[in-house]
């Protein structure tokens, strides 16, 4: 009896979430964002401009910002590592905070958190490790934080693929819980991933 009640509750919760997703998709189609309202040529120019900004930002970040910032915080190991980690790991943390508040925060707050997450993601993309980045000398603790954030960003598809498979095996198959992870679960996974990157960066020099 109790299991049947729990199943009904889960089905009702799933139906409610599915309805909310369909409503959100319908609203998005009815209210296209600024980019979607542009014609094809303008959208192409925007994409090309974004790519140019990412390439130029990459050289600026590694060639000017990181050396200056590393020299500023390099004398305090903990601060240096955390500061370096913020550029990449902070993006995962920002998405985690957004997911945790997506169902409970006010729409205006949720919108601001989403903007922060996207902007931070743009910054994280500038970290992409290249030969130019490898040639830049940085204080070791600061470098460890940057390295953890940069490679955490590169490896995030693999990490989240592993999480998805683990969720399917442990939660769906072993425990018979057929629903997709909630926004709260996704948020905590992202926060945990960001924290793991920070721990990795703090221990990188001792490995």
C-alpha atoms as a PDB file:
ATOM      1  CA  UNK A   1       0.000   0.000   0.000  1.00  0.00           C
ATOM      2  CA  UNK A   2       2.731   2.410   1.000  1.00  0.00           C
ATOM      3  CA  UNK A   3       4.725   1.680  -2.158  1.00  0.00           C
ATOM      4  CA  UNK A   4       1.650   2.292  -4.322  1.00  0.00           C
ATOM      5  CA  UNK A   5       1.102   5.664  -2.628  1.00  0.00           C
ATOM      6  CA  UNK A   6       4.752   6.597  -3.155  1.00  0.00           C
ATOM      7  CA  UNK A   7       4.506   5.601  -6.824  1.00  0.00           C
ATOM      8  CA  UNK A   8       1.435   7.780  -7.279  1.00  0.00           C
ATOM      9  CA  UNK A   9       3.187  10.698  -5.619  1.00  0.00           C
ATOM     10  CA  UNK A  10       6.221  10.310  -7.853  1.00  0.00           C
ATOM     11  CA  UNK A  11       4.031  10.073 -10.930  1.00  0.00           C
ATOM     12  CA  UNK A  12       2.116  13.182  -9.896  1.00  0.00           C
ATOM     13  CA  UNK A  13       5.371  15.080  -9.250  1.00  0.00           C
ATOM     14  CA  UNK A  14       6.760  13.958 -12.613  1.00  0.00           C
ATOM     15  CA  UNK A  15       3.569  15.011 -14.395  1.00  0.00           C
ATOM     16  CA  UNK A  16       3.769  18.412 -12.705  1.00  0.00           C
ATOM     17  CA  UNK A  17       7.395  18.906 -13.763  1.00  0.00           C
ATOM     18  CA  UNK A  18       6.640  17.779 -17.318  1.00  0.00           C
ATOM     19  CA  UNK A  19       3.765  20.235 -17.486  1.00  0.00           C
ATOM     20  CA  UNK A  20       6.034  23.031 -16.253  1.00  0.00           C
ATOM     21  CA  UNK A  21       8.660  22.143 -18.870  1.00  0.00           C
ATOM     22  CA  UNK A  22       6.085  22.154 -21.667  1.00  0.00           C
ATOM     23  CA  UNK A  23       4.759  25.500 -20.470  1.00  0.00           C
ATOM     24  CA  UNK A  24       8.295  26.928 -20.377  1.00  0.00           C
ATOM     25  CA  UNK A  25       9.019  25.699 -23.921  1.00  0.00           C
ATOM     26  CA  UNK A  26       5.745  27.121 -25.172  1.00  0.00           C
ATOM     27  CA  UNK A  27       6.499  30.470 -23.534  1.00  0.00           C
ATOM     28  CA  UNK A  28       9.992  30.498 -25.046  1.00  0.00           C
ATOM     29  CA  UNK A  29       8.572  29.926 -28.536  1.00  0.00           C
ATOM     30  CA  UNK A  30       5.967  32.620 -28.044  1.00  0.00           C
ATOM     31  CA  UNK A  31       8.546  35.104 -26.709  1.00  0.00           C
ATOM     32  CA  UNK A  32      11.789  34.661 -28.690  1.00  0.00           C
ATOM     33  CA  UNK A  33      14.875  36.239 -27.175  1.00  0.00           C
ATOM     34  CA  UNK A  34      16.864  39.061 -28.738  1.00  0.00           C
ATOM     35  CA  UNK A  35      19.143  36.725 -30.711  1.00  0.00           C
ATOM     36  CA  UNK A  36      16.249  34.716 -32.139  1.00  0.00           C
ATOM     37  CA  UNK A  37      14.586  37.893 -33.373  1.00  0.00           C
ATOM     38  CA  UNK A  38      17.567  38.758 -35.599  1.00  0.00           C
ATOM     39  CA  UNK A  39      17.755  37.701 -39.238  1.00  0.00           C
ATOM     40  CA  UNK A  40      20.150  35.015 -40.426  1.00  0.00           C
ATOM     41  CA  UNK A  41      22.909  37.380 -41.528  1.00  0.00           C
ATOM     42  CA  UNK A  42      22.907  39.245 -38.229  1.00  0.00           C
ATOM     43  CA  UNK A  43      22.980  35.983 -36.282  1.00  0.00           C
ATOM     44  CA  UNK A  44      26.014  34.864 -38.307  1.00  0.00           C
ATOM     45  CA  UNK A  45      27.815  38.137 -37.574  1.00  0.00           C
ATOM     46  CA  UNK A  46      27.011  37.783 -33.877  1.00  0.00           C
ATOM     47  CA  UNK A  47      28.437  34.258 -33.807  1.00  0.00           C
ATOM     48  CA  UNK A  48      31.603  35.327 -35.651  1.00  0.00           C
ATOM     49  CA  UNK A  49      31.991  38.297 -33.304  1.00  0.00           C
ATOM     50  CA  UNK A  50      31.613  36.028 -30.276  1.00  0.00           C
ATOM     51  CA  UNK A  51      34.285  33.656 -31.627  1.00  0.00           C
ATOM     52  CA  UNK A  52      36.648  36.586 -32.246  1.00  0.00           C
ATOM     53  CA  UNK A  53      35.983  37.880 -28.728  1.00  0.00           C
ATOM     54  CA  UNK A  54      36.732  34.464 -27.237  1.00  0.00           C
ATOM     55  CA  UNK A  55      40.016  34.163 -29.145  1.00  0.00           C
ATOM     56  CA  UNK A  56      41.090  37.710 -28.295  1.00  0.00           C
ATOM     57  CA  UNK A  57      39.927  37.292 -24.700  1.00  0.00           C
ATOM     58  CA  UNK A  58      41.966  34.102 -24.376  1.00  0.00           C
ATOM     59  CA  UNK A  59      45.194  35.881 -25.313  1.00  0.00           C
ATOM     60  CA  UNK A  60      44.345  38.883 -23.138  1.00  0.00           C
ATOM     61  CA  UNK A  61      43.482  36.734 -20.117  1.00  0.00           C
ATOM     62  CA  UNK A  62      46.570  34.551 -20.276  1.00  0.00           C
ATOM     63  CA  UNK A  63      48.973  37.193 -21.556  1.00  0.00           C
ATOM     64  CA  UNK A  64      48.024  40.161 -19.334  1.00  0.00           C
ATOM     65  CA  UNK A  65      45.406  39.422 -16.658  1.00  0.00           C
ATOM     66  CA  UNK A  66      46.775  36.181 -15.232  1.00  0.00           C
ATOM     67  CA  UNK A  67      50.426  37.308 -14.869  1.00  0.00           C
ATOM     68  CA  UNK A  68      49.359  40.543 -13.125  1.00  0.00           C
ATOM     69  CA  UNK A  69      46.780  38.840 -10.907  1.00  0.00           C
ATOM     70  CA  UNK A  70      49.122  35.967 -10.109  1.00  0.00           C
ATOM     71  CA  UNK A  71      51.827  38.397  -8.970  1.00  0.00           C
ATOM     72  CA  UNK A  72      49.246  40.157  -6.768  1.00  0.00           C
ATOM     73  CA  UNK A  73      47.963  37.080  -4.923  1.00  0.00           C
ATOM     74  CA  UNK A  74      50.909  34.739  -5.385  1.00  0.00           C
ATOM     75  CA  UNK A  75      52.363  35.287  -1.919  1.00  0.00           C
ATOM     76  CA  UNK A  76      49.354  33.769  -0.131  1.00  0.00           C
ATOM     77  CA  UNK A  77      49.008  30.130  -1.280  1.00  0.00           C
ATOM     78  CA  UNK A  78      45.370  29.544  -0.288  1.00  0.00           C
ATOM     79  CA  UNK A  79      44.145  32.853  -1.706  1.00  0.00           C
ATOM     80  CA  UNK A  80      46.237  32.281  -4.823  1.00  0.00           C
ATOM     81  CA  UNK A  81      44.746  28.846  -5.500  1.00  0.00           C
ATOM     82  CA  UNK A  82      41.152  29.942  -4.859  1.00  0.00           C
ATOM     83  CA  UNK A  83      41.593  33.010  -7.068  1.00  0.00           C
ATOM     84  CA  UNK A  84      42.885  30.888  -9.937  1.00  0.00           C
ATOM     85  CA  UNK A  85      40.087  28.341  -9.450  1.00  0.00           C
ATOM     86  CA  UNK A  86      37.364  31.015  -9.579  1.00  0.00           C
ATOM     87  CA  UNK A  87      37.767  31.592 -13.328  1.00  0.00           C
ATOM     88  CA  UNK A  88      36.770  28.033 -14.279  1.00  0.00           C
ATOM     89  CA  UNK A  89      35.405  26.360 -11.155  1.00  0.00           C
ATOM     90  CA  UNK A  90      33.311  29.414 -10.350  1.00  0.00           C
ATOM     91  CA  UNK A  91      31.299  28.831 -13.542  1.00  0.00           C
ATOM     92  CA  UNK A  92      30.246  25.368 -12.380  1.00  0.00           C
ATOM     93  CA  UNK A  93      29.399  26.830  -8.972  1.00  0.00           C
ATOM     94  CA  UNK A  94      27.310  29.579 -10.616  1.00  0.00           C
ATOM     95  CA  UNK A  95      25.287  27.012 -12.572  1.00  0.00           C
ATOM     96  CA  UNK A  96      24.849  24.995  -9.385  1.00  0.00           C
ATOM     97  CA  UNK A  97      23.479  28.016  -7.523  1.00  0.00           C
ATOM     98  CA  UNK A  98      21.145  28.747 -10.437  1.00  0.00           C
ATOM     99  CA  UNK A  99      19.817  25.174 -10.494  1.00  0.00           C
ATOM    100  CA  UNK A 100      19.321  25.122  -6.717  1.00  0.00           C
ATOM    101  CA  UNK A 101      17.236  28.293  -6.850  1.00  0.00           C
ATOM    102  CA  UNK A 102      15.431  27.652 -10.136  1.00  0.00           C
ATOM    103  CA  UNK A 103      12.265  26.282  -8.528  1.00  0.00           C
ATOM    104  CA  UNK A 104      12.124  28.499  -5.454  1.00  0.00           C
ATOM    105  CA  UNK A 105      13.567  31.934  -6.252  1.00  0.00           C
ATOM    106  CA  UNK A 106      11.619  34.839  -7.698  1.00  0.00           C
ATOM    107  CA  UNK A 107      11.665  35.072 -11.522  1.00  0.00           C
ATOM    108  CA  UNK A 108      13.786  38.241 -11.445  1.00  0.00           C
ATOM    109  CA  UNK A 109      16.332  36.556  -9.166  1.00  0.00           C
ATOM    110  CA  UNK A 110      16.396  33.442 -11.332  1.00  0.00           C
ATOM    111  CA  UNK A 111      16.983  35.577 -14.419  1.00  0.00           C
ATOM    112  CA  UNK A 112      19.918  37.370 -12.778  1.00  0.00           C
ATOM    113  CA  UNK A 113      21.443  34.065 -11.664  1.00  0.00           C
ATOM    114  CA  UNK A 114      21.119  32.739 -15.216  1.00  0.00           C
ATOM    115  CA  UNK A 115      22.869  35.802 -16.647  1.00  0.00           C
ATOM    116  CA  UNK A 116      25.695  35.427 -14.121  1.00  0.00           C
ATOM    117  CA  UNK A 117      26.070  31.745 -15.004  1.00  0.00           C
ATOM    118  CA  UNK A 118      26.263  32.444 -18.741  1.00  0.00           C
ATOM    119  CA  UNK A 119      28.745  35.307 -18.319  1.00  0.00           C
ATOM    120  CA  UNK A 120      30.904  33.172 -16.039  1.00  0.00           C
ATOM    121  CA  UNK A 121      30.761  30.366 -18.599  1.00  0.00           C
ATOM    122  CA  UNK A 122      32.082  32.784 -21.211  1.00  0.00           C
ATOM    123  CA  UNK A 123      35.002  33.599 -18.922  1.00  0.00           C
ATOM    124  CA  UNK A 124      35.629  29.887 -18.325  1.00  0.00           C
ATOM    125  CA  UNK A 125      35.811  29.270 -22.079  1.00  0.00           C
ATOM    126  CA  UNK A 126      38.716  31.737 -22.266  1.00  0.00           C
ATOM    127  CA  UNK A 127      40.707  29.321 -20.111  1.00  0.00           C
ATOM    128  CA  UNK A 128      40.869  26.666 -22.818  1.00  0.00           C
ATOM    129  CA  UNK A 129      44.441  25.330 -22.591  1.00  0.00           C
ATOM    130  CA  UNK A 130      46.518  26.061 -25.681  1.00  0.00           C
ATOM    131  CA  UNK A 131      50.195  26.177 -26.512  1.00  0.00           C
ATOM    132  CA  UNK A 132      50.150  29.908 -25.803  1.00  0.00           C
ATOM    133  CA  UNK A 133      48.637  29.317 -22.364  1.00  0.00           C
ATOM    134  CA  UNK A 134      51.226  26.635 -21.570  1.00  0.00           C
ATOM    135  CA  UNK A 135      54.015  29.127 -22.287  1.00  0.00           C
ATOM    136  CA  UNK A 136      52.810  31.628 -19.639  1.00  0.00           C
ATOM    137  CA  UNK A 137      54.671  31.521 -16.325  1.00  0.00           C
ATOM    138  CA  UNK A 138      52.498  31.908 -13.227  1.00  0.00           C
ATOM    139  CA  UNK A 139      53.002  31.513  -9.456  1.00  0.00           C
ATOM    140  CA  UNK A 140      52.667  27.803  -8.701  1.00  0.00           C
ATOM    141  CA  UNK A 141      49.648  27.998  -6.360  1.00  0.00           C
ATOM    142  CA  UNK A 142      47.799  30.343  -8.691  1.00  0.00           C
ATOM    143  CA  UNK A 143      48.668  28.108 -11.633  1.00  0.00           C
ATOM    144  CA  UNK A 144      47.273  25.078  -9.766  1.00  0.00           C
ATOM    145  CA  UNK A 145      43.906  26.797  -9.301  1.00  0.00           C
ATOM    146  CA  UNK A 146      43.787  27.953 -12.924  1.00  0.00           C
ATOM    147  CA  UNK A 147      44.831  24.499 -14.145  1.00  0.00           C
ATOM    148  CA  UNK A 148      42.098  22.777 -12.127  1.00  0.00           C
ATOM    149  CA  UNK A 149      39.456  25.192 -13.415  1.00  0.00           C
ATOM    150  CA  UNK A 150      40.650  25.014 -17.037  1.00  0.00           C
ATOM    151  CA  UNK A 151      40.861  21.235 -17.266  1.00  0.00           C
ATOM    152  CA  UNK A 152      37.708  20.873 -15.188  1.00  0.00           C
ATOM    153  CA  UNK A 153      35.941  22.882 -17.892  1.00  0.00           C
ATOM    154  CA  UNK A 154      37.459  20.732 -20.662  1.00  0.00           C
ATOM    155  CA  UNK A 155      36.598  17.466 -18.892  1.00  0.00           C
ATOM    156  CA  UNK A 156      33.112  18.526 -17.767  1.00  0.00           C
ATOM    157  CA  UNK A 157      31.293  16.662 -20.604  1.00  0.00           C
ATOM    158  CA  UNK A 158      33.068  13.447 -19.569  1.00  0.00           C
ATOM    159  CA  UNK A 159      32.410  14.068 -15.871  1.00  0.00           C
ATOM    160  CA  UNK A 160      28.706  14.738 -16.386  1.00  0.00           C
ATOM    161  CA  UNK A 161      28.456  11.743 -18.721  1.00  0.00           C
ATOM    162  CA  UNK A 162      29.822   9.574 -15.909  1.00  0.00           C
ATOM    163  CA  UNK A 163      27.314  11.140 -13.492  1.00  0.00           C
ATOM    164  CA  UNK A 164      24.459  10.449 -15.922  1.00  0.00           C
ATOM    165  CA  UNK A 165      25.478   6.798 -16.277  1.00  0.00           C
ATOM    166  CA  UNK A 166      25.885   6.501 -12.507  1.00  0.00           C
ATOM    167  CA  UNK A 167      22.440   7.996 -11.940  1.00  0.00           C
ATOM    168  CA  UNK A 168      20.932   5.543 -14.422  1.00  0.00           C
ATOM    169  CA  UNK A 169      22.647   2.518 -12.856  1.00  0.00           C
ATOM    170  CA  UNK A 170      22.262   3.371  -9.177  1.00  0.00           C
ATOM    171  CA  UNK A 171      19.051   5.385  -8.996  1.00  0.00           C
ATOM    172  CA  UNK A 172      17.009   4.114 -11.952  1.00  0.00           C
ATOM    173  CA  UNK A 173      18.078   0.476 -12.045  1.00  0.00           C
ATOM    174  CA  UNK A 174      19.170  -0.373  -8.499  1.00  0.00           C
ATOM    175  CA  UNK A 175      16.574   1.627  -6.559  1.00  0.00           C
ATOM    176  CA  UNK A 176      13.862   1.673  -9.234  1.00  0.00           C
ATOM    177  CA  UNK A 177      13.470   5.463  -9.115  1.00  0.00           C
ATOM    178  CA  UNK A 178      12.443   6.221 -12.696  1.00  0.00           C
ATOM    179  CA  UNK A 179      12.387  10.011 -12.632  1.00  0.00           C
ATOM    180  CA  UNK A 180      15.039  12.334 -13.999  1.00  0.00           C
ATOM    181  CA  UNK A 181      17.181  14.207 -11.455  1.00  0.00           C
ATOM    182  CA  UNK A 182      15.455  17.278 -10.037  1.00  0.00           C
ATOM    183  CA  UNK A 183      16.866  20.774 -10.356  1.00  0.00           C
ATOM    184  CA  UNK A 184      17.962  20.493  -6.728  1.00  0.00           C
ATOM    185  CA  UNK A 185      19.901  17.293  -7.462  1.00  0.00           C
ATOM    186  CA  UNK A 186      21.524  18.848 -10.548  1.00  0.00           C
ATOM    187  CA  UNK A 187      22.445  21.906  -8.509  1.00  0.00           C
ATOM    188  CA  UNK A 188      24.154  19.898  -5.799  1.00  0.00           C
ATOM    189  CA  UNK A 189      25.993  17.829  -8.406  1.00  0.00           C
ATOM    190  CA  UNK A 190      27.354  21.021  -9.978  1.00  0.00           C
ATOM    191  CA  UNK A 191      28.313  22.488  -6.601  1.00  0.00           C
ATOM    192  CA  UNK A 192      30.028  19.211  -5.729  1.00  0.00           C
ATOM    193  CA  UNK A 193      31.905  19.214  -9.042  1.00  0.00           C
ATOM    194  CA  UNK A 194      33.100  22.787  -8.515  1.00  0.00           C
ATOM    195  CA  UNK A 195      34.229  21.929  -4.979  1.00  0.00           C
ATOM    196  CA  UNK A 196      36.033  18.836  -6.269  1.00  0.00           C
ATOM    197  CA  UNK A 197      37.957  21.017  -8.731  1.00  0.00           C
ATOM    198  CA  UNK A 198      39.012  23.312  -5.901  1.00  0.00           C
ATOM    199  CA  UNK A 199      40.205  20.352  -3.841  1.00  0.00           C
ATOM    200  CA  UNK A 200      42.064  19.049  -6.867  1.00  0.00           C
ATOM    201  CA  UNK A 201      43.736  22.404  -7.384  1.00  0.00           C
ATOM    202  CA  UNK A 202      44.741  22.641  -3.714  1.00  0.00           C
ATOM    203  CA  UNK A 203      46.330  19.180  -3.785  1.00  0.00           C
ATOM    204  CA  UNK A 204      47.773  19.343  -7.291  1.00  0.00           C
ATOM    205  CA  UNK A 205      51.205  20.490  -6.151  1.00  0.00           C
ATOM    206  CA  UNK A 206      51.419  17.653  -3.604  1.00  0.00           C
ATOM    207  CA  UNK A 207      50.672  14.849  -6.061  1.00  0.00           C
END
